[in-house]
């Protein structure tokens, strides 16, 4: 497996320095415009995932990784738990 990974990395050698924007998705939901306009500071938006399901790390519209939110000193981070394979 290690040798296979090294071959894949080598085949991408020319692109390894390319910067990409990662986003972390906690979940999603649909709301009517009326409901969005009624949101207040204390409003709660119910998401499609439960707290134990973690988060997806995405590039564009593709999920690449799954992880969990962690706290490092005074900052939030994501611990990667799974690499998503078979991305189309």
N, C-alpha and C. Protein backbone atom coordinates (compact mmCIF):
# COMPACT_ATOMS: atom_id res chain seq x y z
N UNK A 1 0.83 -1.19 0.00
CA UNK A 1 0.00 0.00 0.00
C UNK A 1 0.87 1.25 0.00
N UNK A 2 1.94 1.27 0.81
CA UNK A 2 2.85 2.42 0.88
C UNK A 2 3.48 2.69 -0.49
N UNK A 3 3.92 1.65 -1.16
CA UNK A 3 4.54 1.81 -2.49
C UNK A 3 3.53 2.38 -3.48
N UNK A 4 2.31 1.90 -3.42
CA UNK A 4 1.26 2.41 -4.32
C UNK A 4 1.00 3.90 -4.06
N UNK A 5 0.94 4.28 -2.77
CA UNK A 5 0.74 5.69 -2.42
C UNK A 5 1.89 6.55 -2.92
N UNK A 6 3.11 6.06 -2.80
CA UNK A 6 4.26 6.81 -3.27
C UNK A 6 4.22 7.01 -4.79
N UNK A 7 3.75 6.01 -5.53
CA UNK A 7 3.62 6.15 -6.98
C UNK A 7 2.57 7.20 -7.33
N UNK A 8 1.48 7.20 -6.60
CA UNK A 8 0.42 8.19 -6.85
C UNK A 8 0.95 9.59 -6.58
N UNK A 9 1.64 9.75 -5.46
CA UNK A 9 2.20 11.06 -5.12
C UNK A 9 3.19 11.51 -6.18
N UNK A 10 4.03 10.62 -6.63
CA UNK A 10 5.02 10.96 -7.66
C UNK A 10 4.33 11.38 -8.96
N UNK A 11 3.22 10.73 -9.31
CA UNK A 11 2.52 11.08 -10.55
C UNK A 11 1.90 12.48 -10.46
N UNK A 12 1.69 12.98 -9.25
CA UNK A 12 1.13 14.31 -9.04
C UNK A 12 2.22 15.33 -8.70
N UNK A 13 3.49 14.99 -8.87
CA UNK A 13 4.63 15.82 -8.46
C UNK A 13 4.49 17.27 -8.91
N UNK A 14 4.06 17.51 -10.13
CA UNK A 14 3.98 18.88 -10.66
C UNK A 14 2.86 19.70 -10.02
N UNK A 15 1.95 19.05 -9.31
CA UNK A 15 0.80 19.75 -8.75
C UNK A 15 0.85 19.84 -7.22
N UNK A 16 1.85 19.27 -6.58
CA UNK A 16 1.88 19.19 -5.13
C UNK A 16 1.96 20.54 -4.44
N UNK A 17 2.46 21.56 -5.11
CA UNK A 17 2.53 22.90 -4.53
C UNK A 17 1.30 23.75 -4.79
N UNK A 18 0.36 23.23 -5.55
CA UNK A 18 -0.85 23.97 -5.89
C UNK A 18 -1.73 24.16 -4.66
N UNK A 19 -2.11 25.40 -4.38
CA UNK A 19 -2.98 25.68 -3.23
C UNK A 19 -4.44 25.46 -3.58
N UNK A 20 -5.17 24.83 -2.68
CA UNK A 20 -6.61 24.65 -2.84
C UNK A 20 -7.30 25.09 -1.55
N UNK A 21 -8.53 25.54 -1.67
CA UNK A 21 -9.30 25.97 -0.52
C UNK A 21 -10.11 24.79 0.00
N UNK A 22 -9.91 24.49 1.28
CA UNK A 22 -10.69 23.44 1.93
C UNK A 22 -11.81 24.10 2.72
N UNK A 23 -12.96 23.46 2.75
CA UNK A 23 -14.05 23.91 3.60
C UNK A 23 -14.51 22.74 4.46
N UNK A 24 -15.05 23.05 5.61
CA UNK A 24 -15.52 22.02 6.53
C UNK A 24 -17.03 22.15 6.62
N UNK A 25 -17.73 21.08 6.30
CA UNK A 25 -19.19 21.10 6.30
C UNK A 25 -19.72 20.33 7.50
N UNK A 26 -20.44 21.04 8.36
CA UNK A 26 -21.05 20.41 9.53
C UNK A 26 -22.33 19.66 9.16
N UNK A 27 -23.00 20.09 8.14
CA UNK A 27 -24.27 19.50 7.71
C UNK A 27 -24.97 20.48 6.78
N UNK A 28 -26.15 20.13 6.37
CA UNK A 28 -26.90 21.03 5.50
C UNK A 28 -28.39 20.88 5.77
N UNK A 29 -29.14 21.84 5.31
CA UNK A 29 -30.58 21.82 5.45
C UNK A 29 -31.18 22.76 4.41
N UNK A 30 -32.46 22.65 4.20
CA UNK A 30 -33.17 23.56 3.31
C UNK A 30 -34.14 24.38 4.14
N UNK A 31 -34.16 25.68 3.86
CA UNK A 31 -35.09 26.58 4.52
C UNK A 31 -35.78 27.43 3.46
N UNK A 32 -37.03 27.76 3.72
CA UNK A 32 -37.75 28.70 2.86
C UNK A 32 -37.18 30.09 3.09
N UNK A 33 -37.23 30.93 2.09
CA UNK A 33 -36.74 32.30 2.22
C UNK A 33 -37.42 32.98 3.40
N UNK A 34 -38.69 32.74 3.60
CA UNK A 34 -39.44 33.33 4.72
C UNK A 34 -38.77 32.97 6.05
N UNK A 35 -38.38 31.69 6.18
CA UNK A 35 -37.74 31.23 7.42
C UNK A 35 -36.36 31.87 7.61
N UNK A 36 -35.63 32.03 6.52
CA UNK A 36 -34.31 32.67 6.60
C UNK A 36 -34.45 34.12 7.06
N UNK A 37 -35.44 34.83 6.54
CA UNK A 37 -35.64 36.22 6.91
C UNK A 37 -36.07 36.38 8.36
N UNK A 38 -36.62 35.32 8.95
CA UNK A 38 -37.06 35.38 10.35
C UNK A 38 -35.97 34.97 11.34
N UNK A 39 -34.78 34.60 10.86
CA UNK A 39 -33.70 34.20 11.77
C UNK A 39 -33.26 35.38 12.64
N UNK A 40 -32.94 35.08 13.90
CA UNK A 40 -32.48 36.08 14.86
C UNK A 40 -31.15 35.61 15.43
N UNK A 41 -30.53 36.43 16.27
CA UNK A 41 -29.26 36.09 16.90
C UNK A 41 -29.31 34.77 17.65
N UNK A 42 -30.42 34.46 18.27
CA UNK A 42 -30.51 33.24 19.09
C UNK A 42 -31.16 32.07 18.34
N UNK A 43 -31.40 32.21 17.05
CA UNK A 43 -32.05 31.15 16.28
C UNK A 43 -31.16 29.92 16.17
N UNK A 44 -31.79 28.79 16.05
CA UNK A 44 -31.08 27.52 15.87
C UNK A 44 -31.51 26.93 14.54
N UNK A 45 -30.54 26.50 13.74
CA UNK A 45 -30.82 25.85 12.47
C UNK A 45 -30.49 24.38 12.63
N UNK A 46 -31.49 23.53 12.44
CA UNK A 46 -31.30 22.09 12.56
C UNK A 46 -30.62 21.57 11.30
N UNK A 47 -29.53 20.82 11.49
CA UNK A 47 -28.76 20.29 10.37
C UNK A 47 -29.12 18.83 10.12
N UNK A 48 -28.64 18.32 8.99
CA UNK A 48 -28.97 16.96 8.58
C UNK A 48 -28.18 15.89 9.33
N UNK A 49 -27.18 16.28 10.11
CA UNK A 49 -26.35 15.31 10.82
C UNK A 49 -26.51 15.44 12.31
N UNK A 50 -26.27 14.33 13.00
CA UNK A 50 -26.24 14.39 14.45
C UNK A 50 -24.82 14.71 14.89
N UNK A 51 -24.65 15.04 16.15
CA UNK A 51 -23.34 15.47 16.64
C UNK A 51 -22.27 14.40 16.51
N UNK A 52 -22.62 13.14 16.59
CA UNK A 52 -21.63 12.07 16.50
C UNK A 52 -21.17 11.75 15.10
N UNK A 53 -21.79 12.30 14.10
CA UNK A 53 -21.46 11.96 12.72
C UNK A 53 -20.24 12.70 12.17
N UNK A 54 -19.78 13.73 12.85
CA UNK A 54 -18.59 14.43 12.40
C UNK A 54 -18.84 15.40 11.28
N UNK A 55 -17.75 15.74 10.57
CA UNK A 55 -17.79 16.76 9.53
C UNK A 55 -17.11 16.24 8.27
N UNK A 56 -17.45 16.82 7.13
CA UNK A 56 -16.78 16.53 5.87
C UNK A 56 -15.82 17.66 5.56
N UNK A 57 -14.63 17.31 5.08
CA UNK A 57 -13.68 18.29 4.57
C UNK A 57 -13.79 18.24 3.06
N UNK A 58 -14.07 19.39 2.46
CA UNK A 58 -14.39 19.44 1.04
C UNK A 58 -13.45 20.35 0.27
N UNK A 59 -13.28 20.02 -1.01
CA UNK A 59 -12.65 20.91 -1.98
C UNK A 59 -13.71 21.11 -3.05
N UNK A 60 -14.16 22.35 -3.19
CA UNK A 60 -15.26 22.61 -4.12
C UNK A 60 -16.50 21.85 -3.67
N UNK A 61 -17.08 21.07 -4.56
CA UNK A 61 -18.28 20.32 -4.21
C UNK A 61 -17.99 18.85 -3.91
N UNK A 62 -16.73 18.50 -3.68
CA UNK A 62 -16.34 17.11 -3.44
C UNK A 62 -15.85 16.91 -2.00
N UNK A 63 -16.41 15.93 -1.30
CA UNK A 63 -15.93 15.57 0.02
C UNK A 63 -14.70 14.68 -0.14
N UNK A 64 -13.59 15.07 0.49
CA UNK A 64 -12.35 14.31 0.40
C UNK A 64 -12.05 13.54 1.68
N UNK A 65 -12.45 14.11 2.81
CA UNK A 65 -12.10 13.56 4.11
C UNK A 65 -13.28 13.66 5.06
N UNK A 66 -13.28 12.83 6.10
CA UNK A 66 -14.25 12.95 7.18
C UNK A 66 -13.48 13.05 8.48
N UNK A 67 -13.98 13.87 9.38
CA UNK A 67 -13.28 14.05 10.64
C UNK A 67 -14.20 14.52 11.74
N UNK A 68 -13.58 14.98 12.81
CA UNK A 68 -14.33 15.48 13.96
C UNK A 68 -13.72 16.80 14.41
N UNK A 69 -14.57 17.67 14.94
CA UNK A 69 -14.12 18.95 15.43
C UNK A 69 -13.37 18.73 16.75
N UNK A 70 -12.20 19.37 16.87
CA UNK A 70 -11.43 19.33 18.11
C UNK A 70 -11.02 20.75 18.48
N UNK A 71 -10.60 20.95 19.72
CA UNK A 71 -10.12 22.24 20.17
C UNK A 71 -8.64 22.11 20.47
N UNK A 72 -7.84 23.00 19.88
CA UNK A 72 -6.39 23.05 20.08
C UNK A 72 -6.10 24.42 20.69
N UNK A 73 -5.77 24.43 21.99
CA UNK A 73 -5.61 25.67 22.74
C UNK A 73 -6.90 26.47 22.62
N UNK A 74 -6.87 27.61 21.93
CA UNK A 74 -8.08 28.43 21.81
C UNK A 74 -8.67 28.41 20.40
N UNK A 75 -8.28 27.43 19.60
CA UNK A 75 -8.74 27.36 18.21
C UNK A 75 -9.42 26.02 17.92
N UNK A 76 -10.30 26.05 16.95
CA UNK A 76 -10.96 24.82 16.51
C UNK A 76 -10.15 24.19 15.39
N UNK A 77 -10.20 22.89 15.31
CA UNK A 77 -9.53 22.16 14.25
C UNK A 77 -10.34 20.94 13.87
N UNK A 78 -9.85 20.18 12.92
CA UNK A 78 -10.52 18.96 12.49
C UNK A 78 -9.52 17.81 12.55
N UNK A 79 -9.87 16.77 13.29
CA UNK A 79 -9.06 15.55 13.30
C UNK A 79 -9.61 14.65 12.19
N UNK A 80 -8.75 14.26 11.26
CA UNK A 80 -9.16 13.44 10.13
C UNK A 80 -9.31 12.00 10.58
N UNK A 81 -10.47 11.42 10.32
CA UNK A 81 -10.77 10.04 10.69
C UNK A 81 -10.86 9.11 9.49
N UNK A 82 -11.13 9.70 8.32
CA UNK A 82 -11.36 8.84 7.13
C UNK A 82 -11.01 9.60 5.87
N UNK A 83 -10.35 8.93 4.96
CA UNK A 83 -10.11 9.46 3.63
C UNK A 83 -11.16 8.83 2.72
N UNK A 84 -11.91 9.67 2.04
CA UNK A 84 -12.99 9.18 1.18
C UNK A 84 -12.41 8.74 -0.15
N UNK A 85 -12.63 7.51 -0.50
CA UNK A 85 -12.12 6.99 -1.78
C UNK A 85 -13.25 6.92 -2.79
N UNK A 86 -12.90 6.75 -4.03
CA UNK A 86 -13.90 6.64 -5.09
C UNK A 86 -14.55 7.96 -5.42
N UNK A 87 -13.82 9.05 -5.31
CA UNK A 87 -14.36 10.39 -5.63
C UNK A 87 -14.55 10.48 -7.14
N UNK A 88 -15.72 10.94 -7.52
CA UNK A 88 -16.05 11.05 -8.94
C UNK A 88 -16.10 12.50 -9.35
